Amino acid sequence: MDKWKPTQEQQSGPITRTFDFFNDELNDLQEELNCPDDFIYNFLEVVRNQWSPDSCHSKARQHKRDTPDAY
């Protein structure tokens, strides 16, 4: 199975838009909490871990994609 790679259109559209949104939200969060970059970095690691292929969250998302009629 080939590794998925976004198209140039996806990269310049929804991926860039989401990247910008995340950065804006993280800047707002940091400003609201008055927290250091280290907190934001660790916070992102928690989010990242939920998207690990081995996480139960990832497995549940895949199951939902594989069996949409079950939901």
N, C-alpha and C. Protein backbone atom coordinates (compact mmCIF):
# COMPACT_ATOMS: atom_id res chain seq x y z
N MET A 1 0.84 -1.18 0.00
CA MET A 1 0.00 0.00 0.00
C MET A 1 0.89 1.25 0.00
N ASP A 2 0.62 2.16 -0.92
CA ASP A 2 1.39 3.40 -1.01
C ASP A 2 1.01 4.35 0.11
N LYS A 3 2.01 5.09 0.57
CA LYS A 3 1.76 6.11 1.59
C LYS A 3 0.95 7.24 0.98
N TRP A 4 -0.09 7.67 1.69
CA TRP A 4 -0.95 8.73 1.19
C TRP A 4 -0.18 10.04 1.14
N LYS A 5 -0.39 10.78 0.08
CA LYS A 5 0.24 12.09 -0.08
C LYS A 5 -0.81 13.05 -0.63
N PRO A 6 -0.95 14.24 -0.04
CA PRO A 6 -1.94 15.19 -0.53
C PRO A 6 -1.57 15.75 -1.89
N THR A 7 -2.59 16.12 -2.63
CA THR A 7 -2.37 16.79 -3.90
C THR A 7 -1.94 18.23 -3.64
N GLN A 8 -1.43 18.89 -4.65
CA GLN A 8 -1.05 20.29 -4.51
C GLN A 8 -2.28 21.13 -4.15
N GLU A 9 -3.42 20.80 -4.75
CA GLU A 9 -4.67 21.52 -4.46
C GLU A 9 -5.07 21.33 -2.99
N GLN A 10 -4.95 20.11 -2.48
CA GLN A 10 -5.27 19.87 -1.07
C GLN A 10 -4.28 20.60 -0.17
N GLN A 11 -3.02 20.60 -0.56
CA GLN A 11 -1.98 21.27 0.24
C GLN A 11 -2.23 22.77 0.33
N SER A 12 -2.58 23.37 -0.79
CA SER A 12 -2.76 24.82 -0.80
C SER A 12 -4.15 25.24 -0.35
N GLY A 13 -5.07 24.29 -0.25
CA GLY A 13 -6.43 24.60 0.17
C GLY A 13 -6.70 24.22 1.62
N PRO A 14 -7.34 23.06 1.84
CA PRO A 14 -7.77 22.72 3.19
C PRO A 14 -6.62 22.49 4.18
N ILE A 15 -5.48 22.02 3.72
CA ILE A 15 -4.36 21.78 4.64
C ILE A 15 -3.79 23.11 5.14
N THR A 16 -3.55 24.03 4.22
CA THR A 16 -3.05 25.35 4.62
C THR A 16 -4.07 26.07 5.48
N ARG A 17 -5.33 25.99 5.11
CA ARG A 17 -6.40 26.65 5.88
C ARG A 17 -6.45 26.09 7.31
N THR A 18 -6.34 24.77 7.46
CA THR A 18 -6.38 24.15 8.78
C THR A 18 -5.14 24.50 9.58
N PHE A 19 -3.98 24.50 8.94
CA PHE A 19 -2.74 24.89 9.61
C PHE A 19 -2.86 26.31 10.18
N ASP A 20 -3.35 27.22 9.36
CA ASP A 20 -3.51 28.61 9.81
C ASP A 20 -4.52 28.71 10.95
N PHE A 21 -5.61 27.94 10.86
CA PHE A 21 -6.63 27.94 11.91
C PHE A 21 -6.03 27.44 13.22
N PHE A 22 -5.30 26.32 13.17
CA PHE A 22 -4.67 25.80 14.38
C PHE A 22 -3.74 26.82 15.01
N ASN A 23 -2.91 27.43 14.20
CA ASN A 23 -1.98 28.42 14.74
C ASN A 23 -2.70 29.60 15.36
N ASP A 24 -3.74 30.08 14.72
CA ASP A 24 -4.52 31.19 15.30
C ASP A 24 -5.13 30.78 16.63
N GLU A 25 -5.71 29.58 16.68
CA GLU A 25 -6.34 29.11 17.92
C GLU A 25 -5.31 28.91 19.02
N LEU A 26 -4.14 28.38 18.68
CA LEU A 26 -3.10 28.18 19.69
C LEU A 26 -2.55 29.51 20.19
N ASN A 27 -2.42 30.48 19.30
CA ASN A 27 -1.99 31.81 19.75
C ASN A 27 -3.02 32.43 20.68
N ASP A 28 -4.31 32.27 20.35
CA ASP A 28 -5.38 32.78 21.22
C ASP A 28 -5.36 32.09 22.58
N LEU A 29 -5.17 30.77 22.56
CA LEU A 29 -5.11 30.00 23.81
C LEU A 29 -3.95 30.47 24.67
N GLN A 30 -2.80 30.62 24.05
CA GLN A 30 -1.63 31.05 24.79
C GLN A 30 -1.83 32.44 25.39
N GLU A 31 -2.45 33.30 24.63
CA GLU A 31 -2.71 34.66 25.12
C GLU A 31 -3.70 34.63 26.27
N GLU A 32 -4.76 33.82 26.13
CA GLU A 32 -5.78 33.74 27.18
C GLU A 32 -5.23 33.14 28.47
N LEU A 33 -4.39 32.11 28.35
CA LEU A 33 -3.85 31.44 29.53
C LEU A 33 -2.57 32.09 30.05
N ASN A 34 -1.95 32.89 29.19
CA ASN A 34 -0.65 33.47 29.52
C ASN A 34 0.34 32.36 29.87
N CYS A 35 0.37 31.34 29.03
CA CYS A 35 1.22 30.17 29.27
C CYS A 35 2.44 30.19 28.35
N PRO A 36 3.46 29.45 28.72
CA PRO A 36 4.67 29.41 27.89
C PRO A 36 4.48 28.50 26.67
N ASP A 37 5.39 28.65 25.72
CA ASP A 37 5.38 27.80 24.52
C ASP A 37 5.43 26.32 24.89
N ASP A 38 6.15 26.00 25.94
CA ASP A 38 6.29 24.62 26.37
C ASP A 38 4.93 23.97 26.66
N PHE A 39 4.01 24.74 27.26
CA PHE A 39 2.68 24.20 27.52
C PHE A 39 1.97 23.87 26.21
N ILE A 40 2.03 24.78 25.25
CA ILE A 40 1.39 24.56 23.95
C ILE A 40 2.00 23.35 23.26
N TYR A 41 3.30 23.23 23.32
CA TYR A 41 4.01 22.09 22.73
C TYR A 41 3.53 20.78 23.34
N ASN A 42 3.45 20.72 24.65
CA ASN A 42 2.99 19.50 25.32
C ASN A 42 1.51 19.23 25.05
N PHE A 43 0.73 20.27 24.96
CA PHE A 43 -0.69 20.14 24.62
C PHE A 43 -0.85 19.51 23.23
N LEU A 44 -0.04 19.97 22.30
CA LEU A 44 -0.10 19.41 20.94
C LEU A 44 0.31 17.94 20.91
N GLU A 45 1.21 17.56 21.79
CA GLU A 45 1.60 16.15 21.84
C GLU A 45 0.43 15.27 22.29
N VAL A 46 -0.37 15.76 23.21
CA VAL A 46 -1.56 15.01 23.63
C VAL A 46 -2.51 14.85 22.46
N VAL A 47 -2.72 15.92 21.71
CA VAL A 47 -3.59 15.85 20.53
C VAL A 47 -2.97 14.90 19.51
N ARG A 48 -1.70 15.02 19.26
CA ARG A 48 -0.99 14.18 18.29
C ARG A 48 -1.14 12.70 18.64
N ASN A 49 -1.03 12.38 19.90
CA ASN A 49 -1.13 10.98 20.32
C ASN A 49 -2.49 10.36 19.99
N GLN A 50 -3.53 11.18 19.96
CA GLN A 50 -4.85 10.65 19.61
C GLN A 50 -4.93 10.27 18.14
N TRP A 51 -4.00 10.74 17.33
CA TRP A 51 -3.99 10.44 15.90
C TRP A 51 -2.95 9.39 15.53
N SER A 52 -2.28 8.83 16.53
CA SER A 52 -1.34 7.75 16.28
C SER A 52 -2.11 6.55 15.71
N PRO A 53 -1.57 5.88 14.70
CA PRO A 53 -2.26 4.72 14.14
C PRO A 53 -2.55 3.63 15.17
N ASP A 54 -1.82 3.63 16.27
CA ASP A 54 -2.02 2.62 17.31
C ASP A 54 -3.00 3.03 18.40
N SER A 55 -3.46 4.28 18.36
CA SER A 55 -4.35 4.74 19.42
C SER A 55 -5.76 4.19 19.24
N CYS A 56 -6.47 4.07 20.34
CA CYS A 56 -7.85 3.59 20.25
C CYS A 56 -8.71 4.59 19.48
N HIS A 57 -8.38 5.89 19.55
CA HIS A 57 -9.13 6.90 18.80
C HIS A 57 -8.98 6.68 17.30
N SER A 58 -7.76 6.41 16.88
CA SER A 58 -7.51 6.16 15.46
C SER A 58 -8.20 4.89 14.99
N LYS A 59 -8.12 3.85 15.79
CA LYS A 59 -8.78 2.59 15.42
C LYS A 59 -10.29 2.76 15.34
N ALA A 60 -10.86 3.54 16.23
CA ALA A 60 -12.31 3.79 16.19
C ALA A 60 -12.68 4.59 14.94
N ARG A 61 -11.87 5.59 14.58
CA ARG A 61 -12.15 6.35 13.35
C ARG A 61 -12.08 5.45 12.13
N GLN A 62 -11.08 4.56 12.09
CA GLN A 62 -10.95 3.64 10.96
C GLN A 62 -12.14 2.68 10.90
N HIS A 63 -12.55 2.17 12.04
CA HIS A 63 -13.71 1.27 12.08
C HIS A 63 -14.95 1.97 11.56
N LYS A 64 -15.12 3.23 11.93
CA LYS A 64 -16.27 4.00 11.47
C LYS A 64 -16.22 4.20 9.95
N ARG A 65 -15.01 4.42 9.41
CA ARG A 65 -14.87 4.57 7.95
C ARG A 65 -15.14 3.24 7.25
N ASP A 66 -14.69 2.14 7.86
CA ASP A 66 -14.85 0.83 7.25
C ASP A 66 -16.27 0.30 7.34
N THR A 67 -17.01 0.71 8.36
CA THR A 67 -18.37 0.20 8.55
C THR A 67 -19.34 1.35 8.85
N PRO A 68 -19.54 2.25 7.88
CA PRO A 68 -20.39 3.43 8.15
C PRO A 68 -21.84 3.07 8.46
N ASP A 69 -22.31 1.94 7.97
CA ASP A 69 -23.71 1.55 8.24
C ASP A 69 -23.93 1.18 9.70
N ALA A 70 -22.87 0.90 10.41
CA ALA A 70 -23.00 0.53 11.82
C ALA A 70 -23.22 1.75 12.71
N TYR A 71 -23.10 2.95 12.13
CA TYR A 71 -23.21 4.18 12.94
C TYR A 71 -24.40 4.99 12.58
